[in-house]
Amino acid sequence: MSGVKVDSDVPFPGQVPERRNRPGRQDKYPWNDMKVGDSFLLPSHAYQQWAGGTVHGANARFDKAFRAGKLPELRRFVVRRDKDRFRVW
C-alpha cells in the first residue's frame, strides 16, 4: 500500500477529456486501490507538467495491461487543479 490517502465522493470538476507495474517495485500512488469516484491529492510540490506526466504514465500502463488481457476493464485517470494542489480521479 502506498502512503497516499484515497478520498471517495469528491465531485469531479467537469468533463473527462478523451485521451506496468514493474515486478518488485511498489507504486508511489494508489492506482490499484482506486475505484470509480475515488481521488487523491498529489503532494503540494507537484506542478502541472509533472502531475500530467504522472497520470499520462499511469494511463499508458493500464492501457497496455488491459490490451494484454491482464485487466478485466480499462482504467483511465485524470488530473485537475484543486485549489493550490492537484487532485487525481
N, C-alpha and C. Protein backbone atom coordinates (compact mmCIF):
# COMPACT_ATOMS: atom_id res chain seq x y z
N MET A 1 0.85 -1.18 0.00
CA MET A 1 0.00 0.00 0.00
C MET A 1 0.89 1.24 0.00
N SER A 2 0.50 2.27 -0.75
CA SER A 2 1.32 3.47 -0.89
C SER A 2 1.17 4.38 0.32
N GLY A 3 1.29 5.20 0.80
CA GLY A 3 1.02 6.04 1.96
C GLY A 3 0.15 7.20 1.58
N VAL A 4 -0.40 7.21 0.37
CA VAL A 4 -1.25 8.31 -0.10
C VAL A 4 -2.69 7.97 0.19
N LYS A 5 -3.41 8.91 0.83
CA LYS A 5 -4.80 8.69 1.22
C LYS A 5 -5.72 8.81 0.01
N VAL A 6 -6.60 7.82 -0.20
CA VAL A 6 -7.59 7.84 -1.27
C VAL A 6 -8.89 8.42 -0.71
N ASP A 7 -9.47 9.41 -1.40
CA ASP A 7 -10.72 10.03 -0.98
C ASP A 7 -11.85 9.54 -1.86
N SER A 8 -13.02 9.33 -1.28
CA SER A 8 -14.20 8.93 -2.05
C SER A 8 -15.18 10.08 -2.12
N ASP A 9 -15.99 10.09 -3.16
CA ASP A 9 -17.09 11.03 -3.33
C ASP A 9 -16.65 12.49 -3.38
N VAL A 10 -15.49 12.79 -3.95
CA VAL A 10 -15.10 14.18 -4.20
C VAL A 10 -15.57 14.48 -5.61
N PRO A 11 -16.46 15.45 -5.81
CA PRO A 11 -17.00 15.69 -7.15
C PRO A 11 -15.92 16.12 -8.13
N PHE A 12 -16.03 15.58 -9.34
CA PHE A 12 -15.09 15.91 -10.41
C PHE A 12 -15.51 17.22 -11.07
N PRO A 13 -14.60 18.17 -11.26
CA PRO A 13 -14.98 19.48 -11.81
C PRO A 13 -14.99 19.54 -13.33
N GLY A 14 -15.95 18.88 -13.96
CA GLY A 14 -16.07 18.99 -15.41
C GLY A 14 -15.92 17.67 -16.13
N GLN A 15 -15.90 17.73 -17.45
CA GLN A 15 -15.83 16.57 -18.32
C GLN A 15 -14.46 15.91 -18.26
N VAL A 16 -14.43 14.61 -18.43
CA VAL A 16 -13.17 13.88 -18.55
C VAL A 16 -12.73 13.94 -20.00
N PRO A 17 -11.55 14.48 -20.29
CA PRO A 17 -11.12 14.54 -21.68
C PRO A 17 -10.81 13.14 -22.21
N GLU A 18 -11.04 12.95 -23.53
CA GLU A 18 -10.70 11.65 -24.13
C GLU A 18 -9.18 11.60 -24.31
N ARG A 19 -8.75 11.15 -24.03
CA ARG A 19 -7.36 10.98 -24.37
C ARG A 19 -6.78 9.52 -24.11
N ARG A 20 2.47 -0.56 -15.84
CA ARG A 20 3.22 -1.76 -15.85
C ARG A 20 3.92 -1.94 -14.51
N ASN A 21 2.87 -2.03 -14.26
CA ASN A 21 3.53 -2.24 -12.98
C ASN A 21 4.81 -3.03 -13.17
N ARG A 22 5.89 -2.64 -12.51
CA ARG A 22 7.16 -3.35 -12.60
C ARG A 22 7.25 -4.35 -11.45
N PRO A 23 7.64 -5.58 -11.72
CA PRO A 23 7.75 -6.58 -10.67
C PRO A 23 8.71 -6.12 -9.57
N GLY A 24 8.29 -6.27 -8.34
CA GLY A 24 9.14 -5.93 -7.21
C GLY A 24 9.19 -4.46 -6.87
N ARG A 25 8.48 -3.62 -7.60
CA ARG A 25 8.51 -2.20 -7.33
C ARG A 25 7.14 -1.77 -6.81
N GLN A 26 7.13 -1.08 -5.67
CA GLN A 26 5.87 -0.61 -5.09
C GLN A 26 5.46 0.69 -5.76
N ASP A 27 4.16 0.83 -6.06
CA ASP A 27 3.67 2.07 -6.67
C ASP A 27 3.79 3.23 -5.70
N LYS A 28 4.11 4.38 -6.23
CA LYS A 28 4.21 5.59 -5.42
C LYS A 28 2.82 6.12 -5.09
N TYR A 29 1.88 5.89 -5.99
CA TYR A 29 0.50 6.36 -5.82
C TYR A 29 -0.46 5.17 -5.85
N PRO A 30 -1.65 5.31 -5.27
CA PRO A 30 -2.57 4.17 -5.08
C PRO A 30 -3.42 3.83 -6.30
N TRP A 31 -2.83 3.70 -7.48
CA TRP A 31 -3.60 3.42 -8.69
C TRP A 31 -4.44 2.16 -8.55
N ASN A 32 -3.87 1.09 -8.03
CA ASN A 32 -4.58 -0.19 -7.93
C ASN A 32 -5.65 -0.20 -6.85
N ASP A 33 -5.58 0.71 -5.88
CA ASP A 33 -6.55 0.76 -4.79
C ASP A 33 -7.80 1.56 -5.16
N MET A 34 -7.75 2.28 -6.27
CA MET A 34 -8.83 3.21 -6.60
C MET A 34 -9.98 2.54 -7.34
N LYS A 35 -11.18 3.04 -7.04
CA LYS A 35 -12.41 2.64 -7.72
C LYS A 35 -12.99 3.89 -8.38
N VAL A 36 -13.98 3.72 -9.24
CA VAL A 36 -14.62 4.86 -9.89
C VAL A 36 -15.15 5.80 -8.82
N GLY A 37 -14.86 7.08 -8.94
CA GLY A 37 -15.30 8.09 -7.98
C GLY A 37 -14.27 8.41 -6.91
N ASP A 38 -13.21 7.59 -6.80
CA ASP A 38 -12.16 7.86 -5.82
C ASP A 38 -11.18 8.88 -6.40
N SER A 39 -10.49 9.58 -5.51
CA SER A 39 -9.48 10.54 -5.94
C SER A 39 -8.43 10.67 -4.84
N PHE A 40 -7.31 11.29 -5.19
CA PHE A 40 -6.30 11.59 -4.18
C PHE A 40 -5.59 12.88 -4.57
N LEU A 41 -5.02 13.55 -3.57
CA LEU A 41 -4.27 14.77 -3.79
C LEU A 41 -2.81 14.42 -4.02
N LEU A 42 -2.21 15.04 -5.03
CA LEU A 42 -0.78 14.91 -5.23
C LEU A 42 -0.07 15.81 -4.24
N PRO A 43 1.19 15.55 -3.93
CA PRO A 43 1.94 16.39 -2.99
C PRO A 43 1.92 17.86 -3.42
N SER A 44 2.01 18.73 -2.45
CA SER A 44 1.90 20.17 -2.72
C SER A 44 3.03 20.68 -3.62
N HIS A 45 4.16 19.97 -3.70
CA HIS A 45 5.25 20.43 -4.54
C HIS A 45 5.06 20.03 -6.01
N ALA A 46 4.02 19.26 -6.30
CA ALA A 46 3.77 18.85 -7.69
C ALA A 46 3.38 20.06 -8.52
N TYR A 47 3.84 20.12 -9.73
CA TYR A 47 3.43 21.18 -10.62
C TYR A 47 2.73 20.57 -11.83
N GLN A 48 2.08 21.40 -12.60
CA GLN A 48 1.14 20.91 -13.62
C GLN A 48 1.77 19.94 -14.62
N GLN A 49 2.94 20.24 -15.15
CA GLN A 49 3.55 19.35 -16.14
C GLN A 49 3.89 18.00 -15.52
N TRP A 50 4.43 18.01 -14.32
CA TRP A 50 4.79 16.76 -13.63
C TRP A 50 3.53 15.95 -13.31
N ALA A 51 2.48 16.63 -12.82
CA ALA A 51 1.24 15.93 -12.48
C ALA A 51 0.62 15.29 -13.71
N GLY A 52 0.58 16.02 -14.81
CA GLY A 52 0.04 15.48 -16.05
C GLY A 52 0.84 14.29 -16.55
N GLY A 53 2.17 14.34 -16.43
CA GLY A 53 3.01 13.24 -16.85
C GLY A 53 2.80 11.99 -16.01
N THR A 54 2.58 12.19 -14.71
CA THR A 54 2.33 11.08 -13.80
C THR A 54 1.05 10.34 -14.20
N VAL A 55 0.00 11.09 -14.46
CA VAL A 55 -1.28 10.49 -14.85
C VAL A 55 -1.19 9.88 -16.24
N HIS A 56 -0.50 10.54 -17.16
CA HIS A 56 -0.34 10.00 -18.51
C HIS A 56 0.38 8.65 -18.44
N GLY A 57 1.42 8.56 -17.63
CA GLY A 57 2.14 7.30 -17.48
C GLY A 57 1.27 6.19 -16.91
N ALA A 58 0.44 6.52 -15.92
CA ALA A 58 -0.47 5.52 -15.34
C ALA A 58 -1.47 5.05 -16.39
N ASN A 59 -2.03 5.99 -17.15
CA ASN A 59 -2.98 5.62 -18.20
C ASN A 59 -2.33 4.70 -19.23
N ALA A 60 -1.09 4.98 -19.60
CA ALA A 60 -0.39 4.15 -20.58
C ALA A 60 -0.16 2.74 -20.04
N ARG A 61 0.25 2.63 -18.77
CA ARG A 61 0.49 1.31 -18.18
C ARG A 61 -0.80 0.50 -18.08
N PHE A 62 -1.89 1.13 -17.64
CA PHE A 62 -3.16 0.41 -17.51
C PHE A 62 -3.73 0.04 -18.88
N ASP A 63 -3.54 0.91 -19.88
CA ASP A 63 -3.99 0.61 -21.23
C ASP A 63 -3.24 -0.60 -21.79
N LYS A 64 -1.93 -0.63 -21.59
CA LYS A 64 -1.11 -1.75 -22.07
C LYS A 64 -1.53 -3.06 -21.38
N ALA A 65 -1.74 -3.01 -20.07
CA ALA A 65 -2.15 -4.21 -19.32
C ALA A 65 -3.53 -4.69 -19.77
N PHE A 66 -4.45 -3.76 -20.03
CA PHE A 66 -5.80 -4.12 -20.49
C PHE A 66 -5.73 -4.79 -21.86
N ARG A 67 -4.96 -4.21 -22.79
CA ARG A 67 -4.84 -4.79 -24.13
C ARG A 67 -4.16 -6.15 -24.12
N ALA A 68 -3.31 -6.38 -23.11
CA ALA A 68 -2.63 -7.67 -22.99
C ALA A 68 -3.50 -8.71 -22.28
N GLY A 69 -4.69 -8.31 -21.86
CA GLY A 69 -5.60 -9.23 -21.19
C GLY A 69 -5.31 -9.42 -19.71
N LYS A 70 -4.50 -8.56 -19.12
CA LYS A 70 -4.15 -8.68 -17.71
C LYS A 70 -5.14 -7.97 -16.79
N LEU A 71 -6.00 -7.13 -17.36
CA LEU A 71 -7.01 -6.41 -16.57
C LEU A 71 -8.38 -6.66 -17.18
N PRO A 72 -9.42 -6.84 -16.33
CA PRO A 72 -10.77 -7.08 -16.85
C PRO A 72 -11.43 -5.84 -17.43
N GLU A 73 -10.97 -4.66 -17.02
CA GLU A 73 -11.57 -3.42 -17.53
C GLU A 73 -10.49 -2.36 -17.68
N LEU A 74 -10.71 -1.43 -18.60
CA LEU A 74 -9.76 -0.35 -18.84
C LEU A 74 -9.94 0.72 -17.78
N ARG A 75 -8.87 1.22 -17.24
CA ARG A 75 -8.91 2.30 -16.25
C ARG A 75 -8.31 3.55 -16.86
N ARG A 76 -8.92 4.69 -16.57
CA ARG A 76 -8.42 5.99 -17.03
C ARG A 76 -8.38 6.93 -15.83
N PHE A 77 -7.32 7.71 -15.76
CA PHE A 77 -7.16 8.69 -14.69
C PHE A 77 -7.03 10.07 -15.30
N VAL A 78 -7.43 11.09 -14.54
CA VAL A 78 -7.34 12.47 -15.00
C VAL A 78 -6.93 13.33 -13.81
N VAL A 79 -6.18 14.40 -14.07
CA VAL A 79 -5.71 15.29 -13.01
C VAL A 79 -6.27 16.68 -13.24
N ARG A 80 -6.67 17.34 -12.15
CA ARG A 80 -7.19 18.71 -12.20
C ARG A 80 -6.67 19.47 -10.99
N ARG A 81 -6.53 20.78 -11.15
CA ARG A 81 -6.13 21.63 -10.02
C ARG A 81 -7.27 21.68 -9.00
N ASP A 82 -6.93 21.52 -7.73
CA ASP A 82 -7.89 21.61 -6.63
C ASP A 82 -7.31 22.62 -5.64
N LYS A 83 -7.74 23.86 -5.77
CA LYS A 83 -7.19 24.98 -5.00
C LYS A 83 -5.70 25.12 -5.33
N ASP A 84 -4.80 24.91 -4.39
CA ASP A 84 -3.38 25.10 -4.66
C ASP A 84 -2.64 23.80 -4.93
N ARG A 85 -3.38 22.69 -5.06
CA ARG A 85 -2.76 21.39 -5.30
C ARG A 85 -3.43 20.72 -6.50
N PHE A 86 -3.02 19.51 -6.80
CA PHE A 86 -3.60 18.76 -7.91
C PHE A 86 -4.27 17.50 -7.37
N ARG A 87 -5.46 17.21 -7.90
CA ARG A 87 -6.22 16.03 -7.49
C ARG A 87 -6.33 15.09 -8.69
N VAL A 88 -6.18 13.80 -8.42
CA VAL A 88 -6.27 12.77 -9.46
C VAL A 88 -7.54 11.98 -9.26
N TRP A 89 -8.34 11.83 -10.32
CA TRP A 89 -9.54 10.99 -10.30
C TRP A 89 -9.30 9.79 -11.18
